[in-house]
Amino acid sequence: MTEARIVLSTAGSEEEARKIAHALVDRKLAACVNIVSQIESIYRWQSKVESASEWLLVIKTQARAFERVRALIEELHSYELPECVMLEVGEGAKEYLDWINGSVD
């Protein structure tokens, strides 16, 4: 098992997604952040079914950095409760996983 992780989050605008992505990479909390533009999210919030256009952030990081990633997302995000879930990476190309490891403090 590798220590590489994928963290998913969403943002309410392209500008917010870019701000979060740049901050994560600049602070060496992520090796890379992909921004997937204008997804549609349908969700339950405060007992109502809502719908919104969002930007998905796919954050490549390490397990050891997750709490700092989560804290930065919460600090920079406009949402009351921003999405921040971490997924384990079972396997991957050794060179790619080494790059993630070497890019994250």
N, C-alpha and C. Protein backbone atom coordinates (compact mmCIF):
# COMPACT_ATOMS: atom_id res chain seq x y z
N MET A 1 0.85 -1.19 0.00
CA MET A 1 0.00 0.00 0.00
C MET A 1 0.88 1.24 0.00
N THR A 2 0.47 2.21 -0.72
CA THR A 2 1.20 3.47 -0.83
C THR A 2 0.62 4.50 0.13
N GLU A 3 1.37 5.52 0.43
CA GLU A 3 0.89 6.64 1.24
C GLU A 3 0.20 7.70 0.39
N ALA A 4 0.23 7.54 -0.93
CA ALA A 4 -0.44 8.50 -1.81
C ALA A 4 -1.94 8.46 -1.55
N ARG A 5 -2.54 9.62 -1.63
CA ARG A 5 -3.98 9.73 -1.43
C ARG A 5 -4.57 10.68 -2.46
N ILE A 6 -5.85 10.49 -2.74
CA ILE A 6 -6.63 11.41 -3.56
C ILE A 6 -7.66 12.05 -2.63
N VAL A 7 -7.70 13.36 -2.61
CA VAL A 7 -8.70 14.08 -1.83
C VAL A 7 -9.63 14.76 -2.82
N LEU A 8 -10.93 14.62 -2.58
CA LEU A 8 -11.94 15.25 -3.41
C LEU A 8 -12.58 16.41 -2.67
N SER A 9 -12.79 17.49 -3.38
CA SER A 9 -13.51 18.63 -2.86
C SER A 9 -14.23 19.29 -4.02
N THR A 10 -15.18 20.14 -3.73
CA THR A 10 -15.86 20.91 -4.76
C THR A 10 -15.81 22.38 -4.38
N ALA A 11 -15.96 23.23 -5.39
CA ALA A 11 -15.99 24.67 -5.17
C ALA A 11 -17.16 25.25 -5.95
N GLY A 12 -17.65 26.38 -5.50
CA GLY A 12 -18.81 27.00 -6.12
C GLY A 12 -18.51 27.86 -7.33
N SER A 13 -17.22 28.10 -7.61
CA SER A 13 -16.84 28.89 -8.78
C SER A 13 -15.47 28.45 -9.26
N GLU A 14 -15.18 28.77 -10.51
CA GLU A 14 -13.86 28.46 -11.05
C GLU A 14 -12.78 29.22 -10.30
N GLU A 15 -13.04 30.47 -9.97
CA GLU A 15 -12.06 31.29 -9.24
C GLU A 15 -11.73 30.68 -7.89
N GLU A 16 -12.76 30.23 -7.17
CA GLU A 16 -12.52 29.62 -5.87
C GLU A 16 -11.74 28.31 -6.01
N ALA A 17 -12.07 27.50 -7.00
CA ALA A 17 -11.36 26.25 -7.25
C ALA A 17 -9.89 26.53 -7.55
N ARG A 18 -9.61 27.53 -8.40
CA ARG A 18 -8.23 27.87 -8.72
C ARG A 18 -7.47 28.40 -7.50
N LYS A 19 -8.13 29.20 -6.68
CA LYS A 19 -7.50 29.74 -5.48
C LYS A 19 -7.09 28.61 -4.54
N ILE A 20 -7.97 27.67 -4.32
CA ILE A 20 -7.68 26.54 -3.43
C ILE A 20 -6.57 25.67 -4.02
N ALA A 21 -6.68 25.37 -5.32
CA ALA A 21 -5.69 24.52 -5.98
C ALA A 21 -4.30 25.15 -5.91
N HIS A 22 -4.20 26.42 -6.25
CA HIS A 22 -2.90 27.10 -6.20
C HIS A 22 -2.32 27.11 -4.80
N ALA A 23 -3.15 27.36 -3.81
CA ALA A 23 -2.67 27.39 -2.42
C ALA A 23 -2.15 26.03 -1.99
N LEU A 24 -2.86 24.97 -2.35
CA LEU A 24 -2.43 23.62 -1.98
C LEU A 24 -1.08 23.26 -2.60
N VAL A 25 -0.91 23.58 -3.88
CA VAL A 25 0.35 23.25 -4.55
C VAL A 25 1.47 24.18 -4.07
N ASP A 26 1.16 25.49 -3.94
CA ASP A 26 2.17 26.45 -3.48
C ASP A 26 2.72 26.08 -2.10
N ARG A 27 1.86 25.58 -1.22
CA ARG A 27 2.27 25.23 0.15
C ARG A 27 2.79 23.80 0.27
N LYS A 28 2.96 23.13 -0.86
CA LYS A 28 3.46 21.76 -0.92
C LYS A 28 2.58 20.78 -0.14
N LEU A 29 1.28 21.04 -0.16
CA LEU A 29 0.32 20.11 0.43
C LEU A 29 -0.24 19.16 -0.61
N ALA A 30 -0.02 19.47 -1.88
CA ALA A 30 -0.45 18.62 -2.99
C ALA A 30 0.58 18.69 -4.10
N ALA A 31 0.76 17.56 -4.77
CA ALA A 31 1.65 17.53 -5.94
C ALA A 31 0.94 18.11 -7.15
N CYS A 32 -0.37 17.92 -7.21
CA CYS A 32 -1.17 18.33 -8.37
C CYS A 32 -2.62 18.42 -7.93
N VAL A 33 -3.34 19.35 -8.53
CA VAL A 33 -4.79 19.43 -8.34
C VAL A 33 -5.42 19.56 -9.72
N ASN A 34 -6.28 18.61 -10.06
CA ASN A 34 -7.06 18.72 -11.29
C ASN A 34 -8.36 19.43 -10.96
N ILE A 35 -8.77 20.34 -11.84
CA ILE A 35 -10.05 21.02 -11.68
C ILE A 35 -10.94 20.56 -12.83
N VAL A 36 -12.03 19.90 -12.47
CA VAL A 36 -13.00 19.43 -13.45
C VAL A 36 -14.13 20.46 -13.46
N SER A 37 -14.33 21.08 -14.62
CA SER A 37 -15.23 22.23 -14.67
C SER A 37 -16.70 21.85 -14.77
N GLN A 38 -17.46 22.65 -14.13
CA GLN A 38 -18.91 22.67 -14.14
C GLN A 38 -19.58 21.31 -14.13
N ILE A 39 -19.45 20.65 -12.99
CA ILE A 39 -20.22 19.46 -12.74
C ILE A 39 -21.54 19.90 -12.13
N GLU A 40 -22.55 19.08 -12.21
CA GLU A 40 -23.81 19.38 -11.53
C GLU A 40 -23.90 18.50 -10.30
N SER A 41 -24.14 19.11 -9.17
CA SER A 41 -24.29 18.38 -7.92
C SER A 41 -25.73 18.50 -7.44
N ILE A 42 -26.29 17.38 -7.08
CA ILE A 42 -27.63 17.33 -6.49
C ILE A 42 -27.45 16.72 -5.11
N TYR A 43 -27.91 17.42 -4.09
CA TYR A 43 -27.60 17.02 -2.73
C TYR A 43 -28.72 17.47 -1.78
N ARG A 44 -28.73 16.87 -0.61
CA ARG A 44 -29.67 17.28 0.44
C ARG A 44 -28.92 18.20 1.39
N TRP A 45 -29.49 19.38 1.64
CA TRP A 45 -28.89 20.33 2.56
C TRP A 45 -30.01 21.00 3.35
N GLN A 46 -29.91 20.90 4.66
CA GLN A 46 -30.88 21.48 5.57
C GLN A 46 -32.30 21.07 5.19
N SER A 47 -32.48 19.76 5.01
CA SER A 47 -33.77 19.11 4.74
C SER A 47 -34.37 19.42 3.37
N LYS A 48 -33.60 20.02 2.47
CA LYS A 48 -34.09 20.31 1.13
C LYS A 48 -33.16 19.67 0.10
N VAL A 49 -33.75 19.26 -1.03
CA VAL A 49 -32.93 18.78 -2.14
C VAL A 49 -32.53 20.00 -2.96
N GLU A 50 -31.23 20.16 -3.12
CA GLU A 50 -30.67 21.32 -3.82
C GLU A 50 -29.92 20.86 -5.06
N SER A 51 -29.63 21.81 -5.94
CA SER A 51 -28.83 21.55 -7.13
C SER A 51 -27.92 22.75 -7.35
N ALA A 52 -26.68 22.46 -7.77
CA ALA A 52 -25.74 23.56 -8.00
C ALA A 52 -24.69 23.14 -9.03
N SER A 53 -24.19 24.13 -9.78
CA SER A 53 -23.02 23.92 -10.62
C SER A 53 -21.80 24.09 -9.73
N GLU A 54 -20.87 23.15 -9.83
CA GLU A 54 -19.67 23.20 -9.01
C GLU A 54 -18.46 22.81 -9.85
N TRP A 55 -17.28 23.03 -9.30
CA TRP A 55 -16.02 22.63 -9.89
C TRP A 55 -15.41 21.60 -8.95
N LEU A 56 -15.06 20.44 -9.50
CA LEU A 56 -14.50 19.34 -8.71
C LEU A 56 -12.99 19.46 -8.65
N LEU A 57 -12.44 19.38 -7.45
CA LEU A 57 -10.99 19.36 -7.27
C LEU A 57 -10.56 17.94 -6.95
N VAL A 58 -9.62 17.42 -7.73
CA VAL A 58 -9.03 16.10 -7.52
C VAL A 58 -7.59 16.37 -7.08
N ILE A 59 -7.34 16.18 -5.80
CA ILE A 59 -6.10 16.60 -5.16
C ILE A 59 -5.21 15.40 -4.92
N LYS A 60 -3.99 15.42 -5.48
CA LYS A 60 -3.02 14.34 -5.27
C LYS A 60 -2.09 14.74 -4.14
N THR A 61 -2.12 13.94 -3.06
CA THR A 61 -1.37 14.29 -1.86
C THR A 61 -0.88 13.04 -1.16
N GLN A 62 -0.45 13.18 0.07
CA GLN A 62 0.00 12.09 0.93
C GLN A 62 -0.88 12.02 2.16
N ALA A 63 -0.98 10.82 2.74
CA ALA A 63 -1.80 10.64 3.94
C ALA A 63 -1.36 11.60 5.04
N ARG A 64 -0.05 11.79 5.19
CA ARG A 64 0.48 12.63 6.27
C ARG A 64 0.05 14.09 6.15
N ALA A 65 -0.36 14.52 4.96
CA ALA A 65 -0.73 15.92 4.73
C ALA A 65 -2.23 16.16 4.82
N PHE A 66 -3.03 15.11 5.02
CA PHE A 66 -4.48 15.27 4.93
C PHE A 66 -5.04 16.32 5.88
N GLU A 67 -4.65 16.32 7.12
CA GLU A 67 -5.23 17.28 8.07
C GLU A 67 -4.90 18.71 7.67
N ARG A 68 -3.71 18.95 7.13
CA ARG A 68 -3.34 20.29 6.67
C ARG A 68 -4.10 20.66 5.40
N VAL A 69 -4.33 19.67 4.52
CA VAL A 69 -5.14 19.91 3.32
C VAL A 69 -6.55 20.30 3.74
N ARG A 70 -7.14 19.52 4.65
CA ARG A 70 -8.50 19.79 5.12
C ARG A 70 -8.60 21.17 5.76
N ALA A 71 -7.63 21.52 6.58
CA ALA A 71 -7.66 22.82 7.25
C ALA A 71 -7.56 23.97 6.24
N LEU A 72 -6.73 23.83 5.23
CA LEU A 72 -6.60 24.89 4.23
C LEU A 72 -7.87 25.02 3.40
N ILE A 73 -8.46 23.90 3.03
CA ILE A 73 -9.74 23.96 2.29
C ILE A 73 -10.78 24.69 3.13
N GLU A 74 -10.90 24.34 4.39
CA GLU A 74 -11.87 25.00 5.27
C GLU A 74 -11.57 26.50 5.39
N GLU A 75 -10.29 26.86 5.46
CA GLU A 75 -9.91 28.27 5.60
C GLU A 75 -10.28 29.09 4.36
N LEU A 76 -10.05 28.54 3.17
CA LEU A 76 -10.23 29.30 1.93
C LEU A 76 -11.61 29.17 1.31
N HIS A 77 -12.40 28.22 1.77
CA HIS A 77 -13.66 27.89 1.11
C HIS A 77 -14.80 28.80 1.54
N SER A 78 -15.71 29.03 0.61
CA SER A 78 -16.88 29.86 0.91
C SER A 78 -18.04 29.06 1.50
N TYR A 79 -18.01 27.74 1.36
CA TYR A 79 -19.12 26.91 1.85
C TYR A 79 -19.07 26.78 3.37
N GLU A 80 -20.24 26.67 3.97
CA GLU A 80 -20.34 26.40 5.40
C GLU A 80 -19.74 25.03 5.74
N LEU A 81 -19.96 24.05 4.85
CA LEU A 81 -19.46 22.70 5.05
C LEU A 81 -18.87 22.18 3.74
N PRO A 82 -17.60 22.51 3.47
CA PRO A 82 -17.00 22.07 2.20
C PRO A 82 -16.72 20.56 2.20
N GLU A 83 -16.89 19.98 1.02
CA GLU A 83 -16.54 18.57 0.85
C GLU A 83 -15.03 18.41 1.00
N CYS A 84 -14.63 17.37 1.73
CA CYS A 84 -13.21 17.04 1.84
C CYS A 84 -13.15 15.58 2.25
N VAL A 85 -13.00 14.70 1.25
CA VAL A 85 -12.92 13.27 1.53
C VAL A 85 -11.63 12.72 0.94
N MET A 86 -11.00 11.81 1.67
CA MET A 86 -9.74 11.24 1.24
C MET A 86 -9.96 9.79 0.81
N LEU A 87 -9.38 9.45 -0.34
CA LEU A 87 -9.45 8.09 -0.87
C LEU A 87 -8.05 7.50 -0.88
N GLU A 88 -7.94 6.23 -0.51
CA GLU A 88 -6.66 5.54 -0.56
C GLU A 88 -6.32 5.18 -2.00
N VAL A 89 -5.06 5.20 -2.31
CA VAL A 89 -4.55 4.75 -3.61
C VAL A 89 -3.94 3.39 -3.38
N GLY A 90 -4.53 2.33 -3.95
CA GLY A 90 -4.04 0.98 -3.74
C GLY A 90 -2.71 0.73 -4.41
N GLU A 91 -2.59 1.12 -5.64
CA GLU A 91 -1.38 0.90 -6.44
C GLU A 91 -1.27 2.01 -7.47
N GLY A 92 -0.11 2.11 -8.07
CA GLY A 92 0.10 3.09 -9.12
C GLY A 92 1.51 2.94 -9.68
N ALA A 93 1.79 3.67 -10.74
CA ALA A 93 3.13 3.65 -11.31
C ALA A 93 4.11 4.17 -10.26
N LYS A 94 5.16 3.41 -10.00
CA LYS A 94 6.12 3.76 -8.96
C LYS A 94 6.67 5.16 -9.15
N GLU A 95 7.02 5.52 -10.38
CA GLU A 95 7.59 6.83 -10.65
C GLU A 95 6.59 7.95 -10.34
N TYR A 96 5.32 7.72 -10.65
CA TYR A 96 4.30 8.73 -10.37
C TYR A 96 4.09 8.88 -8.87
N LEU A 97 4.01 7.75 -8.18
CA LEU A 97 3.82 7.79 -6.72
C LEU A 97 5.03 8.42 -6.04
N ASP A 98 6.23 8.16 -6.56
CA ASP A 98 7.43 8.80 -6.02
C ASP A 98 7.39 10.31 -6.23
N TRP A 99 6.87 10.72 -7.39
CA TRP A 99 6.74 12.16 -7.67
C TRP A 99 5.79 12.82 -6.68
N ILE A 100 4.65 12.19 -6.41
CA ILE A 100 3.71 12.74 -5.42
C ILE A 100 4.42 12.85 -4.07
N ASN A 101 5.06 11.78 -3.66
CA ASN A 101 5.75 11.76 -2.37
C ASN A 101 6.81 12.87 -2.28
N GLY A 102 7.57 13.07 -3.35
CA GLY A 102 8.60 14.08 -3.33
C GLY A 102 8.10 15.50 -3.45
N SER A 103 6.84 15.67 -3.84
CA SER A 103 6.26 17.00 -4.03
C SER A 103 5.50 17.52 -2.82
N VAL A 104 5.23 16.63 -1.86
CA VAL A 104 4.40 16.99 -0.70
C VAL A 104 5.27 16.97 0.55
N ASP A 105 5.19 18.06 1.32
CA ASP A 105 5.93 18.13 2.59
C ASP A 105 5.15 17.45 3.70
